[in-house]
Amino acid sequence: MSIITWKDVYATGIKVLDREHQGLIDQINLLYVAVREKKGDAVLTEVLEALEKYTREHFEHEEKLMAAYHYPHLDAHRQKHAELLATVKEMKQRPRVDPDVLARELLKFLRDWLMHHILVIDKAYGPYLEARGGRFVE
């Protein structure tokens, strides 16, 4: 069972970044299943660690591609990435008084953030990079 299923509407047109976005969706779905089964506390640390590692790597890759193709909104995009990483870091450091509550909060935040980020922010760079030959970049 999943909360987010990959759809073509999420695609940026940059294959490698779309695959990475699908990996992030997998992490969100893992957390969703745990929250539904009231086992959020059991996977919270694991998901937060994986999420931090994954987003750092993905953001670095995404930003490197944008820089290579001289994407004009790179600085603003970097700021959005920094905001997510700061939120994840804050959640990692938060006391685990009620881990299930934190797991639900993280799930809602990630779902909302990811959908907005991919559908609005990332969709903006897709055509730009694609027009410059970035579609098949690995």
C-alpha atoms as a PDB file:
ATOM      1  CA  MET A   1       0.000   0.000   0.000  1.00  0.00           C
ATOM      2  CA  SER A   2       1.260   3.474  -0.772  1.00  0.00           C
ATOM      3  CA  ILE A   3       0.273   7.078  -0.254  1.00  0.00           C
ATOM      4  CA  ILE A   4       1.996   8.258  -3.437  1.00  0.00           C
ATOM      5  CA  THR A   5       2.140   6.356  -6.686  1.00  0.00           C
ATOM      6  CA  TRP A   6       4.477   7.624  -9.375  1.00  0.00           C
ATOM      7  CA  LYS A   7       2.592   9.214 -12.246  1.00  0.00           C
ATOM      8  CA  ASP A   8       3.826  10.700 -15.492  1.00  0.00           C
ATOM      9  CA  VAL A   9       2.674  14.120 -14.294  1.00  0.00           C
ATOM     10  CA  TYR A  10       5.542  14.041 -11.754  1.00  0.00           C
ATOM     11  CA  ALA A  11       8.180  13.547 -14.451  1.00  0.00           C
ATOM     12  CA  THR A  12      10.565  16.419 -15.017  1.00  0.00           C
ATOM     13  CA  GLY A  13      11.774  14.925 -18.275  1.00  0.00           C
ATOM     14  CA  ILE A  14      15.256  14.352 -16.854  1.00  0.00           C
ATOM     15  CA  LYS A  15      15.371  10.584 -16.497  1.00  0.00           C
ATOM     16  CA  VAL A  16      18.026  10.254 -13.804  1.00  0.00           C
ATOM     17  CA  LEU A  17      16.358  12.855 -11.581  1.00  0.00           C
ATOM     18  CA  ASP A  18      12.954  11.260 -12.108  1.00  0.00           C
ATOM     19  CA  ARG A  19      14.386   7.914 -10.931  1.00  0.00           C
ATOM     20  CA  GLU A  20      15.774   9.651  -7.864  1.00  0.00           C
ATOM     21  CA  HIS A  21      12.389  11.242  -7.168  1.00  0.00           C
ATOM     22  CA  GLN A  22      10.838   7.773  -7.361  1.00  0.00           C
ATOM     23  CA  GLY A  23      13.308   6.626  -4.693  1.00  0.00           C
ATOM     24  CA  LEU A  24      12.185   9.443  -2.422  1.00  0.00           C
ATOM     25  CA  ILE A  25       8.577   8.429  -2.986  1.00  0.00           C
ATOM     26  CA  ASP A  26       9.561   4.895  -1.919  1.00  0.00           C
ATOM     27  CA  GLN A  27      10.855   6.283   1.399  1.00  0.00           C
ATOM     28  CA  ILE A  28       7.634   8.229   1.928  1.00  0.00           C
ATOM     29  CA  ASN A  29       5.597   5.105   1.204  1.00  0.00           C
ATOM     30  CA  LEU A  30       7.672   3.093   3.692  1.00  0.00           C
ATOM     31  CA  LEU A  31       6.896   5.660   6.354  1.00  0.00           C
ATOM     32  CA  TYR A  32       3.213   5.684   5.343  1.00  0.00           C
ATOM     33  CA  VAL A  33       2.865   1.923   5.814  1.00  0.00           C
ATOM     34  CA  ALA A  34       4.544   2.114   9.212  1.00  0.00           C
ATOM     35  CA  VAL A  35       2.290   4.973  10.334  1.00  0.00           C
ATOM     36  CA  ARG A  36      -0.828   3.102   9.180  1.00  0.00           C
ATOM     37  CA  GLU A  37       0.276   0.043  11.125  1.00  0.00           C
ATOM     38  CA  LYS A  38       1.040   2.233  14.156  1.00  0.00           C
ATOM     39  CA  LYS A  39       4.714   1.306  13.881  1.00  0.00           C
ATOM     40  CA  GLY A  40       5.986   4.759  12.971  1.00  0.00           C
ATOM     41  CA  ASP A  41       8.390   4.737  15.874  1.00  0.00           C
ATOM     42  CA  ALA A  42       9.966   1.523  14.579  1.00  0.00           C
ATOM     43  CA  VAL A  43      11.018   3.048  11.252  1.00  0.00           C
ATOM     44  CA  LEU A  44      11.272   6.743  12.130  1.00  0.00           C
ATOM     45  CA  THR A  45      15.020   6.811  12.776  1.00  0.00           C
ATOM     46  CA  GLU A  46      15.716   4.637   9.742  1.00  0.00           C
ATOM     47  CA  VAL A  47      13.565   6.799   7.466  1.00  0.00           C
ATOM     48  CA  LEU A  48      15.032  10.048   8.792  1.00  0.00           C
ATOM     49  CA  GLU A  49      18.581   8.758   8.259  1.00  0.00           C
ATOM     50  CA  ALA A  50      17.797   7.468   4.766  1.00  0.00           C
ATOM     51  CA  LEU A  51      15.917  10.630   3.919  1.00  0.00           C
ATOM     52  CA  GLU A  52      18.757  12.887   4.990  1.00  0.00           C
ATOM     53  CA  LYS A  53      21.338  10.848   3.060  1.00  0.00           C
ATOM     54  CA  TYR A  54      19.129  10.475   0.024  1.00  0.00           C
ATOM     55  CA  THR A  55      18.092  14.119  -0.184  1.00  0.00           C
ATOM     56  CA  ARG A  56      21.666  15.344   0.245  1.00  0.00           C
ATOM     57  CA  GLU A  57      22.823  13.119  -2.615  1.00  0.00           C
ATOM     58  CA  HIS A  58      19.835  13.906  -4.813  1.00  0.00           C
ATOM     59  CA  PHE A  59      20.014  17.641  -4.179  1.00  0.00           C
ATOM     60  CA  GLU A  60      23.743  17.651  -4.896  1.00  0.00           C
ATOM     61  CA  HIS A  61      23.146  15.798  -8.154  1.00  0.00           C
ATOM     62  CA  GLU A  62      20.242  18.018  -9.153  1.00  0.00           C
ATOM     63  CA  GLU A  63      22.148  21.213  -8.359  1.00  0.00           C
ATOM     64  CA  LYS A  64      25.238  19.978 -10.205  1.00  0.00           C
ATOM     65  CA  LEU A  65      23.154  19.398 -13.335  1.00  0.00           C
ATOM     66  CA  MET A  66      21.492  22.792 -13.011  1.00  0.00           C
ATOM     67  CA  ALA A  67      24.893  24.463 -12.645  1.00  0.00           C
ATOM     68  CA  ALA A  68      26.303  22.570 -15.636  1.00  0.00           C
ATOM     69  CA  TYR A  69      23.423  23.800 -17.790  1.00  0.00           C
ATOM     70  CA  HIS A  70      23.426  27.314 -16.279  1.00  0.00           C
ATOM     71  CA  TYR A  71      19.898  27.085 -14.910  1.00  0.00           C
ATOM     72  CA  PRO A  72      18.969  30.693 -14.056  1.00  0.00           C
ATOM     73  CA  HIS A  73      16.981  29.836 -10.898  1.00  0.00           C
ATOM     74  CA  LEU A  74      19.640  27.655  -9.279  1.00  0.00           C
ATOM     75  CA  ASP A  75      20.100  29.857  -6.201  1.00  0.00           C
ATOM     76  CA  ALA A  76      16.380  29.864  -5.394  1.00  0.00           C
ATOM     77  CA  HIS A  77      16.270  26.105  -5.937  1.00  0.00           C
ATOM     78  CA  ARG A  78      19.220  25.611  -3.579  1.00  0.00           C
ATOM     79  CA  GLN A  79      17.343  27.596  -0.940  1.00  0.00           C
ATOM     80  CA  LYS A  80      14.339  25.246  -1.183  1.00  0.00           C
ATOM     81  CA  HIS A  81      16.662  22.276  -0.769  1.00  0.00           C
ATOM     82  CA  ALA A  82      18.316  23.872   2.261  1.00  0.00           C
ATOM     83  CA  GLU A  83      14.899  24.423   3.850  1.00  0.00           C
ATOM     84  CA  LEU A  84      14.002  20.734   3.521  1.00  0.00           C
ATOM     85  CA  LEU A  85      17.339  19.598   4.910  1.00  0.00           C
ATOM     86  CA  ALA A  86      16.943  21.971   7.871  1.00  0.00           C
ATOM     87  CA  THR A  87      13.488  20.553   8.610  1.00  0.00           C
ATOM     88  CA  VAL A  88      14.734  16.970   8.421  1.00  0.00           C
ATOM     89  CA  LYS A  89      17.663  17.829  10.704  1.00  0.00           C
ATOM     90  CA  GLU A  90      15.312  19.497  13.183  1.00  0.00           C
ATOM     91  CA  MET A  91      13.041  16.442  13.196  1.00  0.00           C
ATOM     92  CA  LYS A  92      16.024  14.132  13.752  1.00  0.00           C
ATOM     93  CA  GLN A  93      17.027  16.134  16.817  1.00  0.00           C
ATOM     94  CA  ARG A  94      13.558  16.442  18.263  1.00  0.00           C
ATOM     95  CA  PRO A  95      12.924  14.452  21.459  1.00  0.00           C
ATOM     96  CA  ARG A  96      11.068  11.203  20.802  1.00  0.00           C
ATOM     97  CA  VAL A  97       8.376  11.670  23.431  1.00  0.00           C
ATOM     98  CA  ASP A  98       5.753  10.371  21.009  1.00  0.00           C
ATOM     99  CA  PRO A  99       7.493   8.944  17.934  1.00  0.00           C
ATOM    100  CA  ASP A 100       4.202   8.047  16.238  1.00  0.00           C
ATOM    101  CA  VAL A 101       3.158  11.708  16.307  1.00  0.00           C
ATOM    102  CA  LEU A 102       6.512  12.741  14.847  1.00  0.00           C
ATOM    103  CA  ALA A 103       6.228  10.022  12.190  1.00  0.00           C
ATOM    104  CA  ARG A 104       2.783  11.318  11.156  1.00  0.00           C
ATOM    105  CA  GLU A 105       4.067  14.894  11.117  1.00  0.00           C
ATOM    106  CA  LEU A 106       7.051  13.877   8.983  1.00  0.00           C
ATOM    107  CA  LEU A 107       4.797  11.954   6.611  1.00  0.00           C
ATOM    108  CA  LYS A 108       2.478  14.919   6.088  1.00  0.00           C
ATOM    109  CA  PHE A 109       5.377  17.322   5.668  1.00  0.00           C
ATOM    110  CA  LEU A 110       7.154  15.087   3.131  1.00  0.00           C
ATOM    111  CA  ARG A 111       4.039  14.358   1.119  1.00  0.00           C
ATOM    112  CA  ASP A 112       3.118  18.031   0.896  1.00  0.00           C
ATOM    113  CA  TRP A 113       6.688  19.195   0.289  1.00  0.00           C
ATOM    114  CA  LEU A 114       7.454  16.568  -2.336  1.00  0.00           C
ATOM    115  CA  MET A 115       4.298  17.103  -4.301  1.00  0.00           C
ATOM    116  CA  HIS A 116       4.772  20.879  -4.354  1.00  0.00           C
ATOM    117  CA  HIS A 117       8.497  20.630  -5.006  1.00  0.00           C
ATOM    118  CA  ILE A 118       8.248  18.183  -7.895  1.00  0.00           C
ATOM    119  CA  LEU A 119       5.061  19.560  -9.465  1.00  0.00           C
ATOM    120  CA  VAL A 120       6.011  23.237  -9.218  1.00  0.00           C
ATOM    121  CA  ILE A 121       9.695  23.793  -8.488  1.00  0.00           C
ATOM    122  CA  ASP A 122      11.297  20.834 -10.282  1.00  0.00           C
ATOM    123  CA  LYS A 123       8.924  20.941 -13.244  1.00  0.00           C
ATOM    124  CA  ALA A 124      10.376  24.380 -14.016  1.00  0.00           C
ATOM    125  CA  TYR A 125      13.892  23.077 -14.657  1.00  0.00           C
ATOM    126  CA  GLY A 126      12.797  20.062 -16.712  1.00  0.00           C
ATOM    127  CA  PRO A 127      12.064  21.892 -19.970  1.00  0.00           C
ATOM    128  CA  TYR A 128      15.092  24.134 -19.493  1.00  0.00           C
ATOM    129  CA  LEU A 129      17.543  21.237 -19.091  1.00  0.00           C
ATOM    130  CA  GLU A 130      15.775  19.143 -21.701  1.00  0.00           C
ATOM    131  CA  ALA A 131      16.064  21.916 -24.303  1.00  0.00           C
ATOM    132  CA  ARG A 132      19.816  21.960 -23.688  1.00  0.00           C
ATOM    133  CA  GLY A 133      20.307  18.209 -24.068  1.00  0.00           C
ATOM    134  CA  GLY A 134      19.969  17.241 -20.418  1.00  0.00           C
ATOM    135  CA  ARG A 135      17.258  14.624 -20.894  1.00  0.00           C
ATOM    136  CA  PHE A 136      19.585  11.628 -20.968  1.00  0.00           C
ATOM    137  CA  VAL A 137      22.214  12.855 -18.557  1.00  0.00           C
ATOM    138  CA  GLU A 138      23.274  10.366 -15.916  1.00  0.00           C
END
